[in-house]
């Protein structure tokens, strides 16, 4: 069974991401129109990409909440003959997946252990608190950690924020996943602090969220093995960094300066002496002009 590679449909900015089924269809349609091939594959079906018979393709993994749809469409336009394989993975398994070379690159959340890996920070997400719609926090535009100091704040085991203990009061048990924590918020057990894209990913009609200050922020990065950087990897780096199709990385194209053409010398013999003054051309030598 395939894991759904939810790509998202919002392109207005990295702080306004939404993971949805329509985004997956839109990205697929864009790839098809561009003549490209893309595939959904499961992490369990992956194998290290080695050997001369390995087909030319690019495997990209991504963690929940990250939406690579824009980059997928650009890849389809620039490399229609190279399939892009999308692999959805968990935040806990993302680093191992690229370290073991089961994928070419991964879009993951910082911080990570960068030993053996390159990592390019791409953007930083807004941190939000997820609350029931009838909670007092829902009446504010933005809150701080002091505003939820008396509330139970859930701390799932797959938490992506870099802190030891979240604000508020701890729950009796830590939920296994962010999805489980969302269910507990809906049941009125407590609140949840997450990156905004995860709040959108697990959206429910009975819940809402507000930006919260005084908390860590989640950075998203592109990571790949530091052993070598292939041409396809360079191409994808250029796409996420916004380079144009004609730009190059680390190479300066020197344009040959055209040689200046030396004007050809005239073969006509030059008349010696001074030119006659105006109005005296054609006058007979030694005579006067006729009046």
Foldseek 3Di string as FASTA:
>chain_A
DFDDPFAFDDDPDPQDTAGDPVLVVVLVVLLVVLLAAEETDELVPFDAQDDPPRDAEAEEEEEALHHCSVLSNVCSNQPRPHYYYYYYDHQVCQVVCQQNRSGFKYKHKDDDPQVQKDKDWQDWFFKKKKAFCPDPCVVDQEEELVVQQQWEEADEPSARFPDDDRHHHHDPDHHPDPLVVVVCRLVVRTMYMHTPSVCNHNDDPRMDIHGYPPGGIIIIIMMHGPPDQDPVNLVSVCSSVVHDPPDDPPDDDDDDDDDDDDDDDDPDDDDDDDDDDPPCPPPDPPDDDDD
